[in-house]
Amino acid sequence: MKLPNLGEINVGSKRVLVRIDLDVDEDYSRLELAEETLDFLVKNMAKVIIIGHKGRPKGKIDKELSLAPISSVLGGVVGEKVNFVGDIIGAKAQEEVDKLPDGELILLENLRFDSGEEQNAESFSKSLADLGEIFVNEAFAVSHREHASIVGIAKSLSHFPGFRFVKEVENLGRILDAPQKPVVLVIGGIKRDKVEYIKNFTRMADKILVGGLLPSYFGGMNPNPEKIILAKLTDDGFDIAADTISRFKEEIAVAGTIVVAGVQGKYEDGIHKQGTLEVFKAIVNSKAFKLAGGGDAEAAITEFGLNDKFDWISVGGGAMLEFLLKGTLPGIEALL
């Protein structure tokens, strides 16, 4: 997969639309992952127009989901002022873009305030593209979505992945190209759609360790007992049981590659963190290539102080799983 190289082009005085994952709450650490790309654009005197979304406003304006508070956080990341524009493709946005000086940045309002974003509406995509001359995708976490700001814009503008985006593809690609066997997927959380991922992952994983609330979604039926190990839960259902922790540790100890997606229990309340903590400690103490992804897994890893023990921590949960299953994403295809 040969992605175009942002570092090889002249961005000076060019209007550059940068799609960033801004769907964050109190933990803004994920925004720092866009720092290298933003610094490059500012240093090389691009006119930087940051776009992104927050929450699920379903095409309607919701002041609680405005991106206004994030402008100052982004400013702290790049060490430059980021002016917020309370518009997306309207006259105010166009006015602010037209007068944007070289080497400065603005942030537009939540893309999902317009229904055209999630619908990947051609008119919305073109209106966004009209604001810029170059498009940069630095939002790997949402690149499994066929949305206007992920795939639509790229049809009209010169397009490039951000520097972090490229690293995501390279590190996740290691598992696809030549993974060290056995490959063990450690999956958890509460999202029911992960059940389909589990069934599909039996094609590439040697063992799939299933915790969180996910075992309860199988209705007592294991579709592949040889590969899938469904956790037994504690009586209250908020953590995996002690014998399951031991069973999971056995598989982790002999793994060559480990992929973590989600947590094993309601670790954040402190009472039910044993499963997640012990499983994650077993993972970092193994000799396997260790990769994790998704907001919950990332938050737990940070809380336990294990960040530097993983070989790679992906910004994407669903995007990571989609990429590992299909070898690509709509957002990647749009950049090729």
Protein backbone atom coordinates (compact mmCIF):
# COMPACT_ATOMS: atom_id res chain seq x y z
CA MET A 1 0.00 0.00 0.00
CA LYS A 2 1.72 3.17 -1.23
CA LEU A 3 0.21 6.20 0.43
CA PRO A 4 1.12 9.69 -0.85
CA ASN A 5 3.69 11.56 1.25
CA LEU A 6 2.59 14.88 2.73
CA GLY A 7 6.21 15.75 3.51
CA GLU A 8 7.12 15.85 -0.18
CA ILE A 9 4.78 18.63 -1.29
CA ASN A 10 4.87 22.40 -1.07
CA VAL A 11 2.04 23.57 1.16
CA GLY A 12 3.18 27.18 1.44
CA SER A 13 0.32 29.66 1.07
CA LYS A 14 -2.02 26.75 0.23
CA ARG A 15 -5.40 26.33 1.92
CA VAL A 16 -5.16 22.93 3.62
CA LEU A 17 -8.23 21.18 5.03
CA VAL A 18 -7.14 18.87 7.85
CA ARG A 19 -9.63 16.27 9.11
CA ILE A 20 -8.83 15.49 12.76
CA ASP A 21 -10.55 13.24 15.29
CA LEU A 22 -12.05 15.82 17.63
CA ASP A 23 -14.62 13.54 19.23
CA VAL A 24 -13.12 13.82 22.71
CA ASP A 25 -14.51 14.76 26.10
CA GLU A 26 -12.37 15.61 29.11
CA ASP A 27 -9.33 13.66 27.92
CA TYR A 28 -7.74 15.74 25.17
CA SER A 29 -4.58 13.64 24.87
CA ARG A 30 -5.72 12.22 21.53
CA LEU A 31 -5.50 15.70 20.00
CA GLU A 32 -1.76 15.65 20.60
CA LEU A 33 -1.45 12.84 18.05
CA ALA A 34 -2.14 15.39 15.31
CA GLU A 35 0.68 17.64 16.50
CA GLU A 36 3.30 16.47 13.98
CA THR A 37 1.01 17.10 11.03
CA LEU A 38 -0.20 20.48 12.27
CA ASP A 39 3.34 21.60 13.15
CA PHE A 40 4.52 20.67 9.66
CA LEU A 41 1.75 22.68 8.02
CA VAL A 42 2.28 25.74 10.23
CA LYS A 43 6.07 25.63 9.85
CA ASN A 44 5.69 25.49 6.08
CA MET A 45 3.27 28.42 6.05
CA ALA A 46 0.08 26.66 4.99
CA LYS A 47 -3.31 28.20 5.67
CA VAL A 48 -4.69 25.49 7.98
CA ILE A 49 -8.43 24.80 8.16
CA ILE A 50 -9.21 22.17 10.80
CA ILE A 51 -12.41 20.15 10.48
CA GLY A 52 -13.90 17.42 12.63
CA HIS A 53 -16.95 16.22 14.51
CA LYS A 54 -18.13 15.59 18.06
CA GLY A 55 -20.93 13.29 19.17
CA ARG A 56 -24.02 12.38 17.18
CA PRO A 57 -26.15 15.49 16.68
CA LYS A 58 -27.85 13.85 13.65
CA GLY A 59 -27.59 16.81 11.34
CA LYS A 60 -28.91 19.35 13.84
CA ILE A 61 -27.16 22.11 15.77
CA ASP A 62 -26.54 21.13 19.38
CA LYS A 63 -24.66 23.73 21.41
CA GLU A 64 -23.53 21.03 23.84
CA LEU A 65 -21.60 19.43 20.97
CA SER A 66 -20.01 22.59 19.61
CA LEU A 67 -16.28 22.41 18.86
CA ALA A 68 -15.73 25.91 20.26
CA PRO A 69 -14.05 24.70 23.51
CA ILE A 70 -11.56 22.60 21.55
CA SER A 71 -9.99 25.56 19.72
CA SER A 72 -7.95 26.63 22.75
CA VAL A 73 -6.83 23.03 23.37
CA LEU A 74 -5.63 22.71 19.79
CA GLY A 75 -3.86 26.03 20.21
CA GLY A 76 -1.98 24.58 23.14
CA VAL A 77 -1.00 21.53 21.09
CA VAL A 78 0.60 23.53 18.27
CA GLY A 79 1.66 26.55 20.30
CA GLU A 80 -0.34 28.84 18.04
CA LYS A 81 -3.71 30.51 18.33
CA VAL A 82 -6.53 28.57 16.69
CA ASN A 83 -9.50 30.78 15.94
CA PHE A 84 -12.92 29.13 16.08
CA VAL A 85 -15.46 29.75 13.33
CA GLY A 86 -19.06 28.93 14.24
CA ASP A 87 -19.88 27.85 10.71
CA ILE A 88 -19.06 24.97 8.35
CA ILE A 89 -19.71 25.77 4.70
CA GLY A 90 -21.58 29.05 5.01
CA ALA A 91 -20.65 32.64 4.23
CA LYS A 92 -18.89 33.14 7.58
CA ALA A 93 -16.65 30.11 7.01
CA GLN A 94 -15.78 31.28 3.50
CA GLU A 95 -15.01 34.80 4.76
CA GLU A 96 -12.65 33.51 7.46
CA VAL A 97 -10.90 31.16 5.03
CA ASP A 98 -10.43 33.95 2.49
CA LYS A 99 -8.64 36.18 4.99
CA LEU A 100 -6.61 33.42 6.71
CA PRO A 101 -2.90 34.41 6.73
CA ASP A 102 -0.13 31.97 5.86
CA GLY A 103 0.97 29.82 8.80
CA GLU A 104 -2.22 30.35 10.81
CA LEU A 105 -5.08 28.04 11.78
CA ILE A 106 -8.83 28.11 12.14
CA LEU A 107 -11.28 25.49 13.39
CA LEU A 108 -14.70 25.10 11.78
CA GLU A 109 -17.87 24.03 13.62
CA ASN A 110 -18.97 20.40 14.13
CA LEU A 111 -19.32 18.75 10.72
CA ARG A 112 -22.19 16.59 11.92
CA PHE A 113 -24.36 19.66 12.47
CA ASP A 114 -24.99 19.22 8.73
CA SER A 115 -26.69 15.99 7.66
CA GLY A 116 -24.58 16.00 4.50
CA GLU A 117 -21.55 14.84 6.48
CA GLU A 118 -22.80 11.40 7.48
CA GLN A 119 -24.78 11.02 4.26
CA ASN A 120 -21.61 11.72 2.26
CA ALA A 121 -23.73 14.11 0.21
CA GLU A 122 -21.96 15.24 -2.94
CA SER A 123 -23.07 18.85 -2.53
CA PHE A 124 -21.73 19.01 1.03
CA SER A 125 -18.45 17.34 0.01
CA LYS A 126 -17.93 19.84 -2.81
CA SER A 127 -18.78 22.80 -0.57
CA LEU A 128 -16.16 21.62 1.93
CA ALA A 129 -13.64 21.05 -0.86
CA ASP A 130 -14.22 24.58 -2.16
CA LEU A 131 -12.73 25.91 1.08
CA GLY A 132 -9.37 24.29 0.42
CA GLU A 133 -6.75 23.32 -2.12
CA ILE A 134 -5.28 20.30 -0.34
CA PHE A 135 -6.96 17.71 1.89
CA VAL A 136 -5.17 15.90 4.74
CA ASN A 137 -6.79 13.03 6.63
CA GLU A 138 -5.44 12.78 10.18
CA ALA A 139 -8.54 11.03 11.52
CA PHE A 140 -7.77 7.32 11.27
CA ALA A 141 -10.26 6.54 14.05
CA VAL A 142 -13.22 7.46 11.83
CA SER A 143 -11.77 6.39 8.49
CA HIS A 144 -13.98 3.30 8.42
CA ARG A 145 -16.89 5.69 7.80
CA GLU A 146 -17.87 6.71 4.28
CA HIS A 147 -18.55 10.29 5.30
CA ALA A 148 -18.09 13.49 3.32
CA SER A 149 -15.04 14.64 5.27
CA ILE A 150 -13.38 11.24 4.93
CA VAL A 151 -14.03 10.15 1.35
CA GLY A 152 -16.08 12.88 -0.36
CA ILE A 153 -13.55 15.73 -0.13
CA ALA A 154 -10.74 13.56 -1.48
CA LYS A 155 -12.53 13.28 -4.83
CA SER A 156 -12.11 17.01 -5.44
CA LEU A 157 -8.75 17.90 -3.87
CA SER A 158 -5.16 16.72 -3.84
CA HIS A 159 -5.14 14.41 -0.84
CA PHE A 160 -2.65 13.06 1.69
CA PRO A 161 -2.63 11.12 4.94
CA GLY A 162 -1.35 12.83 8.06
CA PHE A 163 1.89 11.57 9.59
CA ARG A 164 0.12 9.72 12.41
CA PHE A 165 -2.29 8.16 9.91
CA VAL A 166 0.64 6.65 8.01
CA LYS A 167 2.08 5.18 11.22
CA GLU A 168 -1.29 3.60 12.00
CA VAL A 169 -1.35 1.84 8.62
CA GLU A 170 2.26 0.70 8.96
CA ASN A 171 1.90 -0.72 12.47
CA LEU A 172 -1.45 -2.40 11.90
CA GLY A 173 -0.14 -3.71 8.60
CA ARG A 174 2.52 -5.70 10.45
CA ILE A 175 -0.20 -7.99 11.74
CA LEU A 176 -1.57 -8.53 8.27
CA ASP A 177 1.74 -9.08 6.49
CA ALA A 178 3.59 -11.57 8.68
CA PRO A 179 2.20 -11.90 12.21
CA GLN A 180 4.08 -13.90 14.78
CA LYS A 181 1.89 -16.89 15.63
CA PRO A 182 -0.27 -17.61 17.48
CA VAL A 183 -2.40 -14.49 17.02
CA VAL A 184 -4.63 -13.80 20.03
CA LEU A 185 -7.44 -11.25 20.00
CA VAL A 186 -8.44 -9.98 23.46
CA ILE A 187 -11.78 -8.27 23.03
CA GLY A 188 -14.27 -6.78 25.47
CA GLY A 189 -16.53 -3.84 26.16
CA ILE A 190 -20.27 -3.44 25.81
CA LYS A 191 -20.91 -2.84 22.09
CA ARG A 192 -23.03 -5.59 20.60
CA ASP A 193 -21.62 -5.03 17.09
CA LYS A 194 -18.36 -6.58 18.26
CA VAL A 195 -20.04 -9.99 18.09
CA GLU A 196 -19.80 -9.93 14.29
CA TYR A 197 -16.16 -8.89 14.50
CA ILE A 198 -15.50 -11.88 16.74
CA LYS A 199 -17.11 -14.30 14.30
CA ASN A 200 -15.17 -12.84 11.37
CA PHE A 201 -11.86 -12.76 13.23
CA THR A 202 -11.80 -16.54 13.45
CA ARG A 203 -10.30 -16.39 9.94
CA MET A 204 -7.10 -14.71 11.12
CA ALA A 205 -6.87 -15.20 14.89
CA ASP A 206 -5.81 -18.44 16.54
CA LYS A 207 -7.63 -17.59 19.78
CA ILE A 208 -10.21 -14.98 20.64
CA LEU A 209 -10.64 -14.15 24.34
CA VAL A 210 -14.05 -12.56 24.87
CA GLY A 211 -14.86 -10.54 27.99
CA GLY A 212 -16.84 -7.49 29.05
CA LEU A 213 -20.56 -7.86 28.40
CA LEU A 214 -19.92 -9.57 25.07
CA PRO A 215 -20.28 -13.20 26.28
CA SER A 216 -23.88 -12.46 27.27
CA TYR A 217 -24.71 -11.58 23.66
CA PHE A 218 -24.00 -15.11 22.44
CA GLY A 219 -27.06 -16.60 24.12
CA GLY A 220 -25.09 -19.50 25.54
CA MET A 221 -23.96 -20.63 22.07
CA ASN A 222 -20.29 -20.53 21.11
CA PRO A 223 -20.01 -20.51 17.28
CA ASN A 224 -16.40 -21.73 17.30
CA PRO A 225 -15.31 -23.35 20.60
CA GLU A 226 -11.89 -24.25 19.22
CA LYS A 227 -10.95 -20.61 18.74
CA ILE A 228 -13.36 -18.53 20.80
CA ILE A 229 -13.15 -18.53 24.59
CA LEU A 230 -16.17 -16.84 26.16
CA ALA A 231 -15.52 -15.47 29.63
CA LYS A 232 -17.51 -16.44 32.67
CA LEU A 233 -18.63 -13.28 34.43
CA THR A 234 -18.85 -12.38 38.09
CA ASP A 235 -22.27 -12.68 39.71
CA ASP A 236 -23.07 -9.02 39.09
CA GLY A 237 -21.88 -9.28 35.48
CA PHE A 238 -19.46 -6.34 35.69
CA ASP A 239 -16.17 -8.26 35.46
CA ILE A 240 -14.76 -11.57 34.29
CA ALA A 241 -14.50 -14.37 36.86
CA ALA A 242 -11.26 -15.51 38.47
CA ASP A 243 -11.06 -18.82 36.61
CA THR A 244 -11.53 -16.97 33.30
CA ILE A 245 -8.66 -14.63 34.19
CA SER A 246 -6.43 -17.68 34.67
CA ARG A 247 -7.62 -19.21 31.40
CA PHE A 248 -6.97 -16.02 29.49
CA LYS A 249 -3.48 -15.74 30.99
CA GLU A 250 -2.62 -19.21 29.69
CA GLU A 251 -3.40 -18.19 26.12
CA ILE A 252 -1.65 -14.83 26.48
CA ALA A 253 1.53 -16.49 27.77
CA VAL A 254 2.05 -18.44 24.53
CA ALA A 255 0.88 -15.75 22.08
CA GLY A 256 3.12 -14.37 19.36
CA THR A 257 0.87 -11.44 18.52
CA ILE A 258 -1.80 -9.89 20.75
CA VAL A 259 -4.51 -7.46 19.64
CA VAL A 260 -6.50 -5.74 22.39
CA ALA A 261 -9.89 -4.19 21.61
CA GLY A 262 -11.89 -3.11 24.63
CA VAL A 263 -11.81 -3.82 28.36
CA GLN A 264 -12.79 -6.90 30.36
CA GLY A 265 -15.08 -5.26 32.89
CA LYS A 266 -16.29 -2.02 34.42
CA TYR A 267 -12.73 -1.20 35.46
CA GLU A 268 -13.37 2.53 35.89
CA ASP A 269 -15.41 2.10 39.09
CA GLY A 270 -12.40 0.57 40.87
CA ILE A 271 -14.43 -2.35 42.22
CA HIS A 272 -14.48 -4.29 38.97
CA LYS A 273 -11.00 -3.61 37.60
CA GLN A 274 -9.38 -6.93 38.49
CA GLY A 275 -10.11 -8.66 35.20
CA THR A 276 -8.92 -5.82 33.00
CA LEU A 277 -5.88 -5.09 35.16
CA GLU A 278 -4.67 -8.67 35.42
CA VAL A 279 -5.26 -9.45 31.76
CA PHE A 280 -3.50 -6.27 30.63
CA LYS A 281 -0.56 -6.93 32.96
CA ALA A 282 -0.25 -10.44 31.55
CA ILE A 283 -0.23 -8.98 28.05
CA VAL A 284 2.55 -6.46 28.70
CA ASN A 285 4.62 -9.14 30.43
CA SER A 286 4.40 -11.44 27.41
CA LYS A 287 7.01 -11.54 24.64
CA ALA A 288 4.37 -11.06 21.94
CA PHE A 289 3.98 -8.10 19.62
CA LYS A 290 1.35 -6.11 21.52
CA LEU A 291 -1.18 -3.80 19.92
CA ALA A 292 -4.24 -2.13 21.42
CA GLY A 293 -6.94 0.16 20.09
CA GLY A 294 -10.12 1.99 21.01
CA GLY A 295 -10.97 4.65 23.55
CA ASP A 296 -11.81 2.36 26.48
CA ALA A 297 -8.72 0.20 26.08
CA GLU A 298 -6.54 3.28 25.67
CA ALA A 299 -8.02 4.89 28.80
CA ALA A 300 -7.50 1.75 30.88
CA ILE A 301 -3.93 1.33 29.65
CA THR A 302 -3.23 4.93 30.61
CA GLU A 303 -4.83 4.54 34.03
CA PHE A 304 -2.72 1.46 34.73
CA GLY A 305 0.45 3.19 33.52
CA LEU A 306 1.11 0.63 30.78
CA ASN A 307 1.34 2.88 27.71
CA ASP A 308 5.03 2.33 27.07
CA LYS A 309 4.62 -1.45 27.39
CA PHE A 310 2.63 -1.80 24.16
CA ASP A 311 4.28 -1.82 20.74
CA TRP A 312 1.46 0.28 19.31
CA ILE A 313 -1.72 1.89 20.63
CA SER A 314 -4.12 2.72 17.82
CA VAL A 315 -6.46 5.71 17.98
CA GLY A 316 -9.17 3.57 16.41
CA GLY A 317 -11.35 0.87 17.89
CA GLY A 318 -13.80 0.03 15.12
CA ALA A 319 -11.40 1.40 12.50
CA MET A 320 -8.61 -0.84 13.78
CA LEU A 321 -10.79 -3.95 13.69
CA GLU A 322 -12.13 -3.10 10.23
CA PHE A 323 -8.62 -2.60 8.90
CA LEU A 324 -7.36 -5.87 10.35
CA LEU A 325 -10.29 -7.73 8.83
CA LYS A 326 -10.29 -6.11 5.38
CA GLY A 327 -6.76 -4.80 4.95
CA THR A 328 -8.06 -1.35 4.09
CA LEU A 329 -10.67 1.28 4.97
CA PRO A 330 -12.82 3.69 2.95
CA GLY A 331 -10.64 6.54 4.21
CA ILE A 332 -7.50 4.79 3.02
CA GLU A 333 -8.93 3.95 -0.39
CA ALA A 334 -9.86 7.61 -0.85
CA LEU A 335 -6.19 8.56 -0.46
CA LEU A 336 -4.73 6.07 -2.92
